[in-house]
Amino acid sequence: MSKLIISEPWDFEDIQGSNELSGRILKRLDSKTLLFRTEEEVTLKGLSSRYWLLSARYEKQSFEEEPYQGTVNGALLPELPLEDESLSKLRQSSVFAIIGCLQA
């Protein structure tokens, strides 16, 4: 189980009033991008989902080795992507929503 701690938007709260989301990494899509599923559905910017594209926020940061952790940009996906869906298509369908910290 991993934890996603939301720092932006600064006023983010889940249904328990916390800025932390529990979930798990479903897949490493490339050296800078992860597919993440939260335990609870989140609604931001008009989209409700449990599925996130998490990308490394800084140029020198990557997800080459486990445990995957660090500062991330988070984009909500409308649904669980298909197994063969391209990363560029996923990025097009996602909605940038948060900046946070992924902890293993």
PDB file of N, CA and C in Angstrom:
ATOM      1  N   MET A   1       0.854  -1.175   0.000  1.00  0.00           N
ATOM      2  CA  MET A   1       0.000   0.000   0.000  1.00  0.00           C
ATOM      3  C   MET A   1       0.899   1.237   0.000  1.00  0.00           C
ATOM      4  N   SER A   2       0.537   2.192  -0.825  1.00  0.00           N
ATOM      5  CA  SER A   2       1.261   3.459  -0.908  1.00  0.00           C
ATOM      6  C   SER A   2       0.351   4.591  -0.460  1.00  0.00           C
ATOM      7  N   LYS A   3       0.978   5.732  -0.213  1.00  0.00           N
ATOM      8  CA  LYS A   3       0.244   6.910   0.232  1.00  0.00           C
ATOM      9  C   LYS A   3       0.568   8.064  -0.707  1.00  0.00           C
ATOM     10  N   LEU A   4      -0.476   8.791  -1.123  1.00  0.00           N
ATOM     11  CA  LEU A   4      -0.322   9.984  -1.941  1.00  0.00           C
ATOM     12  C   LEU A   4      -0.738  11.171  -1.086  1.00  0.00           C
ATOM     13  N   ILE A   5       0.233  12.018  -0.728  1.00  0.00           N
ATOM     14  CA  ILE A   5      -0.029  13.179   0.123  1.00  0.00           C
ATOM     15  C   ILE A   5      -0.162  14.399  -0.786  1.00  0.00           C
ATOM     16  N   ILE A   6      -1.338  15.010  -0.773  1.00  0.00           N
ATOM     17  CA  ILE A   6      -1.651  16.120  -1.673  1.00  0.00           C
ATOM     18  C   ILE A   6      -1.204  17.443  -1.054  1.00  0.00           C
ATOM     19  N   SER A   7      -0.376  18.200  -1.808  1.00  0.00           N
ATOM     20  CA  SER A   7       0.031  19.525  -1.333  1.00  0.00           C
ATOM     21  C   SER A   7      -0.644  20.644  -2.128  1.00  0.00           C
ATOM     22  N   GLU A   8      -1.007  20.390  -3.375  1.00  0.00           N
ATOM     23  CA  GLU A   8      -1.764  21.333  -4.209  1.00  0.00           C
ATOM     24  C   GLU A   8      -2.872  20.569  -4.900  1.00  0.00           C
ATOM     25  N   PRO A   9      -4.090  20.972  -4.845  1.00  0.00           N
ATOM     26  CA  PRO A   9      -4.557  22.198  -4.233  1.00  0.00           C
ATOM     27  C   PRO A   9      -4.398  22.157  -2.713  1.00  0.00           C
ATOM     28  N   TRP A  10      -4.014  23.285  -2.150  1.00  0.00           N
ATOM     29  CA  TRP A  10      -3.677  23.353  -0.720  1.00  0.00           C
ATOM     30  C   TRP A  10      -4.866  23.009   0.165  1.00  0.00           C
ATOM     31  N   ASP A  11      -6.082  23.194  -0.330  1.00  0.00           N
ATOM     32  CA  ASP A  11      -7.270  22.932   0.493  1.00  0.00           C
ATOM     33  C   ASP A  11      -7.912  21.569   0.205  1.00  0.00           C
ATOM     34  N   PHE A  12      -7.184  20.670  -0.456  1.00  0.00           N
ATOM     35  CA  PHE A  12      -7.731  19.347  -0.759  1.00  0.00           C
ATOM     36  C   PHE A  12      -8.012  18.568   0.525  1.00  0.00           C
ATOM     37  N   GLU A  13      -9.171  17.929   0.568  1.00  0.00           N
ATOM     38  CA  GLU A  13      -9.517  17.019   1.666  1.00  0.00           C
ATOM     39  C   GLU A  13     -10.302  15.855   1.099  1.00  0.00           C
ATOM     40  N   ASP A  14      -9.999  14.635   1.588  1.00  0.00           N
ATOM     41  CA  ASP A  14     -10.812  13.489   1.208  1.00  0.00           C
ATOM     42  C   ASP A  14     -12.057  13.453   2.092  1.00  0.00           C
ATOM     43  N   ILE A  15     -12.840  12.394   2.023  1.00  0.00           N
ATOM     44  CA  ILE A  15     -14.093  12.363   2.787  1.00  0.00           C
ATOM     45  C   ILE A  15     -13.877  12.324   4.293  1.00  0.00           C
ATOM     46  N   GLN A  16     -12.673  11.951   4.741  1.00  0.00           N
ATOM     47  CA  GLN A  16     -12.361  11.980   6.171  1.00  0.00           C
ATOM     48  C   GLN A  16     -11.696  13.284   6.608  1.00  0.00           C
ATOM     49  N   GLY A  17     -11.517  14.222   5.685  1.00  0.00           N
ATOM     50  CA  GLY A  17     -10.899  15.492   6.022  1.00  0.00           C
ATOM     51  C   GLY A  17      -9.384  15.477   5.976  1.00  0.00           C
ATOM     52  N   SER A  18      -8.795  14.463   5.340  1.00  0.00           N
ATOM     53  CA  SER A  18      -7.344  14.323   5.263  1.00  0.00           C
ATOM     54  C   SER A  18      -6.845  14.724   3.876  1.00  0.00           C
ATOM     55  N   ASN A  19      -5.563  15.089   3.804  1.00  0.00           N
ATOM     56  CA  ASN A  19      -4.960  15.372   2.505  1.00  0.00           C
ATOM     57  C   ASN A  19      -4.166  14.166   1.992  1.00  0.00           C
ATOM     58  N   GLU A  20      -4.410  12.995   2.566  1.00  0.00           N
ATOM     59  CA  GLU A  20      -3.710  11.773   2.173  1.00  0.00           C
ATOM     60  C   GLU A  20      -4.673  10.786   1.534  1.00  0.00           C
ATOM     61  N   LEU A  21      -4.219  10.170   0.440  1.00  0.00           N
ATOM     62  CA  LEU A  21      -4.987   9.131  -0.234  1.00  0.00           C
ATOM     63  C   LEU A  21      -4.188   7.836  -0.197  1.00  0.00           C
ATOM     64  N   SER A  22      -4.807   6.763   0.221  1.00  0.00           N
ATOM     65  CA  SER A  22      -4.167   5.449   0.201  1.00  0.00           C
ATOM     66  C   SER A  22      -4.491   4.767  -1.115  1.00  0.00           C
ATOM     67  N   GLY A  23      -3.548   3.975  -1.589  1.00  0.00           N
ATOM     68  CA  GLY A  23      -3.775   3.261  -2.833  1.00  0.00           C
ATOM     69  C   GLY A  23      -2.604   2.368  -3.161  1.00  0.00           C
ATOM     70  N   ARG A  24      -2.592   1.913  -4.408  1.00  0.00           N
ATOM     71  CA  ARG A  24      -1.476   1.067  -4.822  1.00  0.00           C
ATOM     72  C   ARG A  24      -1.084   1.367  -6.258  1.00  0.00           C
ATOM     73  N   ILE A  25       0.167   1.136  -6.531  1.00  0.00           N
ATOM     74  CA  ILE A  25       0.687   1.317  -7.877  1.00  0.00           C
ATOM     75  C   ILE A  25       0.291   0.086  -8.684  1.00  0.00           C
ATOM     76  N   LEU A  26      -0.436   0.313  -9.760  1.00  0.00           N
ATOM     77  CA  LEU A  26      -0.868  -0.795 -10.608  1.00  0.00           C
ATOM     78  C   LEU A  26       0.193  -1.174 -11.625  1.00  0.00           C
ATOM     79  N   LYS A  27       0.924  -0.156 -12.108  1.00  0.00           N
ATOM     80  CA  LYS A  27       1.879  -0.422 -13.181  1.00  0.00           C
ATOM     81  C   LYS A  27       2.836   0.747 -13.348  1.00  0.00           C
ATOM     82  N   ARG A  28       4.061   0.427 -13.685  1.00  0.00           N
ATOM     83  CA  ARG A  28       5.045   1.434 -14.090  1.00  0.00           C
ATOM     84  C   ARG A  28       4.935   1.537 -15.608  1.00  0.00           C
ATOM     85  N   LEU A  29       4.529   2.703 -16.111  1.00  0.00           N
ATOM     86  CA  LEU A  29       4.302   2.871 -17.547  1.00  0.00           C
ATOM     87  C   LEU A  29       5.572   3.236 -18.300  1.00  0.00           C
ATOM     88  N   ASP A  30       6.424   4.013 -17.665  1.00  0.00           N
ATOM     89  CA  ASP A  30       7.764   4.299 -18.174  1.00  0.00           C
ATOM     90  C   ASP A  30       8.592   4.793 -16.996  1.00  0.00           C
ATOM     91  N   SER A  31       9.800   5.265 -17.247  1.00  0.00           N
ATOM     92  CA  SER A  31      10.699   5.627 -16.142  1.00  0.00           C
ATOM     93  C   SER A  31      10.223   6.834 -15.345  1.00  0.00           C
ATOM     94  N   LYS A  32       9.225   7.566 -15.856  1.00  0.00           N
ATOM     95  CA  LYS A  32       8.749   8.765 -15.164  1.00  0.00           C
ATOM     96  C   LYS A  32       7.249   8.761 -14.892  1.00  0.00           C
ATOM     97  N   THR A  33       6.554   7.664 -15.209  1.00  0.00           N
ATOM     98  CA  THR A  33       5.092   7.650 -15.096  1.00  0.00           C
ATOM     99  C   THR A  33       4.584   6.350 -14.489  1.00  0.00           C
ATOM    100  N   LEU A  34       3.652   6.498 -13.533  1.00  0.00           N
ATOM    101  CA  LEU A  34       3.036   5.349 -12.872  1.00  0.00           C
ATOM    102  C   LEU A  34       1.525   5.413 -13.023  1.00  0.00           C
ATOM    103  N   LEU A  35       0.892   4.242 -13.052  1.00  0.00           N
ATOM    104  CA  LEU A  35      -0.560   4.138 -12.974  1.00  0.00           C
ATOM    105  C   LEU A  35      -0.889   3.782 -11.531  1.00  0.00           C
ATOM    106  N   PHE A  36      -1.722   4.584 -10.890  1.00  0.00           N
ATOM    107  CA  PHE A  36      -2.016   4.470  -9.458  1.00  0.00           C
ATOM    108  C   PHE A  36      -3.523   4.380  -9.263  1.00  0.00           C
ATOM    109  N   ARG A  37      -3.955   3.534  -8.326  1.00  0.00           N
ATOM    110  CA  ARG A  37      -5.380   3.399  -7.992  1.00  0.00           C
ATOM    111  C   ARG A  37      -5.571   3.720  -6.517  1.00  0.00           C
ATOM    112  N   THR A  38      -6.428   4.700  -6.221  1.00  0.00           N
ATOM    113  CA  THR A  38      -6.719   5.048  -4.830  1.00  0.00           C
ATOM    114  C   THR A  38      -7.817   4.139  -4.287  1.00  0.00           C
ATOM    115  N   GLU A  39      -7.842   3.987  -2.977  1.00  0.00           N
ATOM    116  CA  GLU A  39      -8.861   3.175  -2.322  1.00  0.00           C
ATOM    117  C   GLU A  39     -10.247   3.801  -2.465  1.00  0.00           C
ATOM    118  N   GLU A  40     -10.299   5.124  -2.457  1.00  0.00           N
ATOM    119  CA  GLU A  40     -11.572   5.835  -2.544  1.00  0.00           C
ATOM    120  C   GLU A  40     -11.620   6.654  -3.822  1.00  0.00           C
ATOM    121  N   GLU A  41     -12.820   6.814  -4.345  1.00  0.00           N
ATOM    122  CA  GLU A  41     -13.009   7.663  -5.509  1.00  0.00           C
ATOM    123  C   GLU A  41     -12.796   9.120  -5.117  1.00  0.00           C
ATOM    124  N   VAL A  42     -12.171   9.872  -5.997  1.00  0.00           N
ATOM    125  CA  VAL A  42     -11.878  11.284  -5.768  1.00  0.00           C
ATOM    126  C   VAL A  42     -12.552  12.089  -6.876  1.00  0.00           C
ATOM    127  N   THR A  43     -13.113  13.227  -6.518  1.00  0.00           N
ATOM    128  CA  THR A  43     -13.699  14.128  -7.514  1.00  0.00           C
ATOM    129  C   THR A  43     -12.926  15.441  -7.497  1.00  0.00           C
ATOM    130  N   LEU A  44     -12.331  15.763  -8.627  1.00  0.00           N
ATOM    131  CA  LEU A  44     -11.595  17.014  -8.813  1.00  0.00           C
ATOM    132  C   LEU A  44     -11.825  17.494 -10.237  1.00  0.00           C
ATOM    133  N   LYS A  45     -11.983  18.790 -10.391  1.00  0.00           N
ATOM    134  CA  LYS A  45     -12.141  19.410 -11.709  1.00  0.00           C
ATOM    135  C   LYS A  45     -13.235  18.729 -12.534  1.00  0.00           C
ATOM    136  N   GLY A  46     -14.311  18.338 -11.867  1.00  0.00           N
ATOM    137  CA  GLY A  46     -15.457  17.766 -12.559  1.00  0.00           C
ATOM    138  C   GLY A  46     -15.335  16.308 -12.953  1.00  0.00           C
ATOM    139  N   LEU A  47     -14.271  15.629 -12.526  1.00  0.00           N
ATOM    140  CA  LEU A  47     -14.068  14.224 -12.867  1.00  0.00           C
ATOM    141  C   LEU A  47     -13.964  13.400 -11.592  1.00  0.00           C
ATOM    142  N   SER A  48     -14.694  12.297 -11.532  1.00  0.00           N
ATOM    143  CA  SER A  48     -14.626  11.372 -10.397  1.00  0.00           C
ATOM    144  C   SER A  48     -13.960  10.087 -10.848  1.00  0.00           C
ATOM    145  N   SER A  49     -12.937   9.655 -10.102  1.00  0.00           N
ATOM    146  CA  SER A  49     -12.209   8.454 -10.488  1.00  0.00           C
ATOM    147  C   SER A  49     -11.344   7.958  -9.337  1.00  0.00           C
ATOM    148  N   ARG A  50     -10.851   6.750  -9.478  1.00  0.00           N
ATOM    149  CA  ARG A  50      -9.850   6.169  -8.571  1.00  0.00           C
ATOM    150  C   ARG A  50      -8.502   6.021  -9.271  1.00  0.00           C
ATOM    151  N   TYR A  51      -8.463   6.291 -10.565  1.00  0.00           N
ATOM    152  CA  TYR A  51      -7.275   6.006 -11.366  1.00  0.00           C
ATOM    153  C   TYR A  51      -6.512   7.285 -11.696  1.00  0.00           C
ATOM    154  N   TRP A  52      -5.202   7.222 -11.494  1.00  0.00           N
ATOM    155  CA  TRP A  52      -4.330   8.388 -11.637  1.00  0.00           C
ATOM    156  C   TRP A  52      -3.130   8.057 -12.513  1.00  0.00           C
ATOM    157  N   LEU A  53      -2.694   9.042 -13.278  1.00  0.00           N
ATOM    158  CA  LEU A  53      -1.368   9.027 -13.888  1.00  0.00           C
ATOM    159  C   LEU A  53      -0.496   9.878 -12.986  1.00  0.00           C
ATOM    160  N   LEU A  54       0.501   9.281 -12.395  1.00  0.00           N
ATOM    161  CA  LEU A  54       1.447  10.026 -11.562  1.00  0.00           C
ATOM    162  C   LEU A  54       2.746  10.146 -12.329  1.00  0.00           C
ATOM    163  N   SER A  55       3.236  11.359 -12.494  1.00  0.00           N
ATOM    164  CA  SER A  55       4.493  11.566 -13.208  1.00  0.00           C
ATOM    165  C   SER A  55       5.485  12.298 -12.318  1.00  0.00           C
ATOM    166  N   ALA A  56       6.753  11.972 -12.514  1.00  0.00           N
ATOM    167  CA  ALA A  56       7.818  12.609 -11.745  1.00  0.00           C
ATOM    168  C   ALA A  56       7.765  14.117 -11.973  1.00  0.00           C
ATOM    169  N   ARG A  57       7.803  14.874 -10.899  1.00  0.00           N
ATOM    170  CA  ARG A  57       7.668  16.335 -11.005  1.00  0.00           C
ATOM    171  C   ARG A  57       8.970  16.994 -11.452  1.00  0.00           C
ATOM    172  N   TYR A  58      10.086  16.403 -11.117  1.00  0.00           N
ATOM    173  CA  TYR A  58      11.377  17.027 -11.400  1.00  0.00           C
ATOM    174  C   TYR A  58      12.155  16.236 -12.445  1.00  0.00           C
ATOM    175  N   GLU A  59      12.914  16.956 -13.248  1.00  0.00           N
ATOM    176  CA  GLU A  59      13.644  16.363 -14.366  1.00  0.00           C
ATOM    177  C   GLU A  59      14.564  15.219 -13.941  1.00  0.00           C
ATOM    178  N   LYS A  60      15.271  15.371 -12.837  1.00  0.00           N
ATOM    179  CA  LYS A  60      16.241  14.352 -12.419  1.00  0.00           C
ATOM    180  C   LYS A  60      15.613  13.211 -11.625  1.00  0.00           C
ATOM    181  N   GLN A  61      14.324  13.295 -11.390  1.00  0.00           N
ATOM    182  CA  GLN A  61      13.615  12.254 -10.642  1.00  0.00           C
ATOM    183  C   GLN A  61      13.082  11.202 -11.618  1.00  0.00           C
ATOM    184  N   SER A  62      13.123   9.926 -11.212  1.00  0.00           N
ATOM    185  CA  SER A  62      12.550   8.872 -12.055  1.00  0.00           C
ATOM    186  C   SER A  62      12.039   7.738 -11.172  1.00  0.00           C
ATOM    187  N   PHE A  63      11.344   6.827 -11.806  1.00  0.00           N
ATOM    188  CA  PHE A  63      10.822   5.650 -11.119  1.00  0.00           C
ATOM    189  C   PHE A  63      11.523   4.408 -11.663  1.00  0.00           C
ATOM    190  N   GLU A  64      12.844   4.431 -11.635  1.00  0.00           N
ATOM    191  CA  GLU A  64      13.637   3.316 -12.152  1.00  0.00           C
ATOM    192  C   GLU A  64      13.643   2.134 -11.189  1.00  0.00           C
ATOM    193  N   GLU A  65      13.657   2.420  -9.892  1.00  0.00           N
ATOM    194  CA  GLU A  65      13.770   1.347  -8.895  1.00  0.00           C
ATOM    195  C   GLU A  65      12.686   1.479  -7.843  1.00  0.00           C
ATOM    196  N   GLU A  66      12.241   0.334  -7.336  1.00  0.00           N
ATOM    197  CA  GLU A  66      11.282   0.331  -6.228  1.00  0.00           C
ATOM    198  C   GLU A  66      12.029   0.583  -4.930  1.00  0.00           C
ATOM    199  N   PRO A  67      11.445   1.142  -3.918  1.00  0.00           N
ATOM    200  CA  PRO A  67      10.066   1.601  -3.896  1.00  0.00           C
ATOM    201  C   PRO A  67       9.931   2.907  -4.672  1.00  0.00           C
ATOM    202  N   TYR A  68       8.856   3.006  -5.445  1.00  0.00           N
ATOM    203  CA  TYR A  68       8.588   4.215  -6.209  1.00  0.00           C
ATOM    204  C   TYR A  68       8.060   5.277  -5.254  1.00  0.00           C
ATOM    205  N   GLN A  69       8.771   6.398  -5.175  1.00  0.00           N
ATOM    206  CA  GLN A  69       8.342   7.490  -4.303  1.00  0.00           C
ATOM    207  C   GLN A  69       8.963   8.791  -4.771  1.00  0.00           C
ATOM    208  N   GLY A  70       8.394   9.898  -4.304  1.00  0.00           N
ATOM    209  CA  GLY A  70       8.905  11.210  -4.664  1.00  0.00           C
ATOM    210  C   GLY A  70       7.780  12.180  -4.952  1.00  0.00           C
ATOM    211  N   THR A  71       8.156  13.390  -5.362  1.00  0.00           N
ATOM    212  CA  THR A  71       7.188  14.429  -5.680  1.00  0.00           C
ATOM    213  C   THR A  71       6.605  14.153  -7.061  1.00  0.00           C
ATOM    214  N   VAL A  72       5.271  14.246  -7.155  1.00  0.00           N
ATOM    215  CA  VAL A  72       4.596  13.871  -8.391  1.00  0.00           C
ATOM    216  C   VAL A  72       3.577  14.920  -8.830  1.00  0.00           C
ATOM    217  N   ASN A  73       3.338  14.941 -10.130  1.00  0.00           N
ATOM    218  CA  ASN A  73       2.175  15.598 -10.711  1.00  0.00           C
ATOM    219  C   ASN A  73       1.134  14.499 -10.854  1.00  0.00           C
ATOM    220  N   GLY A  74      -0.101  14.788 -10.505  1.00  0.00           N
ATOM    221  CA  GLY A  74      -1.150  13.783 -10.593  1.00  0.00           C
ATOM    222  C   GLY A  74      -2.260  14.214 -11.518  1.00  0.00           C
ATOM    223  N   ALA A  75      -2.621  13.334 -12.438  1.00  0.00           N
ATOM    224  CA  ALA A  75      -3.720  13.587 -13.366  1.00  0.00           C
ATOM    225  C   ALA A  75      -4.739  12.463 -13.228  1.00  0.00           C
ATOM    226  N   LEU A  76      -5.993  12.830 -13.041  1.00  0.00           N
ATOM    227  CA  LEU A  76      -7.067  11.842 -12.941  1.00  0.00           C
ATOM    228  C   LEU A  76      -7.375  11.260 -14.314  1.00  0.00           C
ATOM    229  N   LEU A  77      -7.607   9.952 -14.337  1.00  0.00           N
ATOM    230  CA  LEU A  77      -8.053   9.273 -15.550  1.00  0.00           C
ATOM    231  C   LEU A  77      -9.540   8.977 -15.426  1.00  0.00           C
ATOM    232  N   PRO A  78     -10.299   9.039 -16.511  1.00  0.00           N
ATOM    233  CA  PRO A  78     -11.738   8.805 -16.408  1.00  0.00           C
ATOM    234  C   PRO A  78     -12.098   7.366 -16.040  1.00  0.00           C
ATOM    235  N   GLU A  79     -11.213   6.410 -16.338  1.00  0.00           N
ATOM    236  CA  GLU A  79     -11.478   4.998 -16.042  1.00  0.00           C
ATOM    237  C   GLU A  79     -10.169   4.223 -16.095  1.00  0.00           C
ATOM    238  N   LEU A  80     -10.238   2.963 -15.690  1.00  0.00           N
ATOM    239  CA  LEU A  80      -9.067   2.095 -15.772  1.00  0.00           C
ATOM    240  C   LEU A  80      -8.692   1.939 -17.241  1.00  0.00           C
ATOM    241  N   PRO A  81      -7.453   2.242 -17.598  1.00  0.00           N
ATOM    242  CA  PRO A  81      -7.058   2.146 -19.002  1.00  0.00           C
ATOM    243  C   PRO A  81      -7.002   0.692 -19.478  1.00  0.00           C
ATOM    244  N   LEU A  82      -7.171   0.531 -20.775  1.00  0.00           N
ATOM    245  CA  LEU A  82      -7.001  -0.779 -21.386  1.00  0.00           C
ATOM    246  C   LEU A  82      -5.528  -1.153 -21.335  1.00  0.00           C
ATOM    247  N   GLU A  83      -5.246  -2.440 -21.341  1.00  0.00           N
ATOM    248  CA  GLU A  83      -3.870  -2.938 -21.224  1.00  0.00           C
ATOM    249  C   GLU A  83      -2.956  -2.389 -22.321  1.00  0.00           C
ATOM    250  N   ASP A  84      -3.473  -2.246 -23.538  1.00  0.00           N
ATOM    251  CA  ASP A  84      -2.641  -1.824 -24.668  1.00  0.00           C
ATOM    252  C   ASP A  84      -2.768  -0.337 -25.006  1.00  0.00           C
ATOM    253  N   GLU A  85      -3.400   0.437 -24.134  1.00  0.00           N
ATOM    254  CA  GLU A  85      -3.589   1.867 -24.390  1.00  0.00           C
ATOM    255  C   GLU A  85      -2.249   2.601 -24.293  1.00  0.00           C
ATOM    256  N   SER A  86      -1.972   3.460 -25.254  1.00  0.00           N
ATOM    257  CA  SER A  86      -0.689   4.164 -25.283  1.00  0.00           C
ATOM    258  C   SER A  86      -0.637   5.250 -24.212  1.00  0.00           C
ATOM    259  N   LEU A  87       0.572   5.556 -23.783  1.00  0.00           N
ATOM    260  CA  LEU A  87       0.771   6.591 -22.777  1.00  0.00           C
ATOM    261  C   LEU A  87       0.305   7.949 -23.304  1.00  0.00           C
ATOM    262  N   SER A  88       0.535   8.234 -24.574  1.00  0.00           N
ATOM    263  CA  SER A  88       0.088   9.525 -25.120  1.00  0.00           C
ATOM    264  C   SER A  88      -1.440   9.623 -25.101  1.00  0.00           C
ATOM    265  N   LYS A  89      -2.139   8.536 -25.374  1.00  0.00           N
ATOM    266  CA  LYS A  89      -3.604   8.548 -25.314  1.00  0.00           C
ATOM    267  C   LYS A  89      -4.081   8.728 -23.874  1.00  0.00           C
ATOM    268  N   LEU A  90      -3.397   8.087 -22.932  1.00  0.00           N
ATOM    269  CA  LEU A  90      -3.747   8.254 -21.518  1.00  0.00           C
ATOM    270  C   LEU A  90      -3.563   9.708 -21.090  1.00  0.00           C
ATOM    271  N   ARG A  91      -2.480  10.316 -21.517  1.00  0.00           N
ATOM    272  CA  ARG A  91      -2.234  11.720 -21.160  1.00  0.00           C
ATOM    273  C   ARG A  91      -3.315  12.634 -21.739  1.00  0.00           C
ATOM    274  N   GLN A  92      -3.760  12.333 -22.944  1.00  0.00           N
ATOM    275  CA  GLN A  92      -4.807  13.148 -23.570  1.00  0.00           C
ATOM    276  C   GLN A  92      -6.134  13.031 -22.832  1.00  0.00           C
ATOM    277  N   SER A  93      -6.427  11.858 -22.289  1.00  0.00           N
ATOM    278  CA  SER A  93      -7.719  11.649 -21.621  1.00  0.00           C
ATOM    279  C   SER A  93      -7.694  12.032 -20.143  1.00  0.00           C
ATOM    280  N   SER A  94      -6.521  12.332 -19.602  1.00  0.00           N
ATOM    281  CA  SER A  94      -6.401  12.649 -18.177  1.00  0.00           C
ATOM    282  C   SER A  94      -6.631  14.138 -17.916  1.00  0.00           C
ATOM    283  N   VAL A  95      -6.929  14.442 -16.647  1.00  0.00           N
ATOM    284  CA  VAL A  95      -7.144  15.825 -16.213  1.00  0.00           C
ATOM    285  C   VAL A  95      -6.151  16.123 -15.094  1.00  0.00           C
ATOM    286  N   PHE A  96      -5.193  17.047 -15.360  1.00  0.00           N
ATOM    287  CA  PHE A  96      -4.219  17.410 -14.328  1.00  0.00           C
ATOM    288  C   PHE A  96      -4.964  17.954 -13.117  1.00  0.00           C
ATOM    289  N   ALA A  97      -4.643  17.417 -11.923  1.00  0.00           N
ATOM    290  CA  ALA A  97      -5.432  17.781 -10.751  1.00  0.00           C
ATOM    291  C   ALA A  97      -4.626  18.114  -9.507  1.00  0.00           C
ATOM    292  N   ILE A  98      -3.452  17.486  -9.319  1.00  0.00           N
ATOM    293  CA  ILE A  98      -2.753  17.669  -8.040  1.00  0.00           C
ATOM    294  C   ILE A  98      -1.236  17.708  -8.211  1.00  0.00           C
ATOM    295  N   ILE A  99      -0.587  18.229  -7.176  1.00  0.00           N
ATOM    296  CA  ILE A  99       0.841  18.056  -6.942  1.00  0.00           C
ATOM    297  C   ILE A  99       0.920  17.416  -5.570  1.00  0.00           C
ATOM    298  N   GLY A 100       1.750  16.409  -5.451  1.00  0.00           N
ATOM    299  CA  GLY A 100       1.825  15.726  -4.166  1.00  0.00           C
ATOM    300  C   GLY A 100       3.096  14.933  -4.009  1.00  0.00           C
ATOM    301  N   CYS A 101       3.106  14.112  -2.977  1.00  0.00           N
ATOM    302  CA  CYS A 101       4.257  13.284  -2.654  1.00  0.00           C
ATOM    303  C   CYS A 101       3.797  11.838  -2.535  1.00  0.00           C
ATOM    304  N   LEU A 102       4.418  10.962  -3.293  1.00  0.00           N
ATOM    305  CA  LEU A 102       4.117   9.542  -3.233  1.00  0.00           C
ATOM    306  C   LEU A 102       5.075   8.892  -2.247  1.00  0.00           C
ATOM    307  N   GLN A 103       4.517   8.180  -1.282  1.00  0.00           N
ATOM    308  CA  GLN A 103       5.318   7.464  -0.293  1.00  0.00           C
ATOM    309  C   GLN A 103       4.995   5.984  -0.366  1.00  0.00           C
ATOM    310  N   ALA A 104       6.055   5.167  -0.323  1.00  0.00           N
ATOM    311  CA  ALA A 104       5.867   3.714  -0.375  1.00  0.00           C
ATOM    312  C   ALA A 104       5.400   3.190   0.961  1.00  0.00           C
TER     313      ALA A 104
END
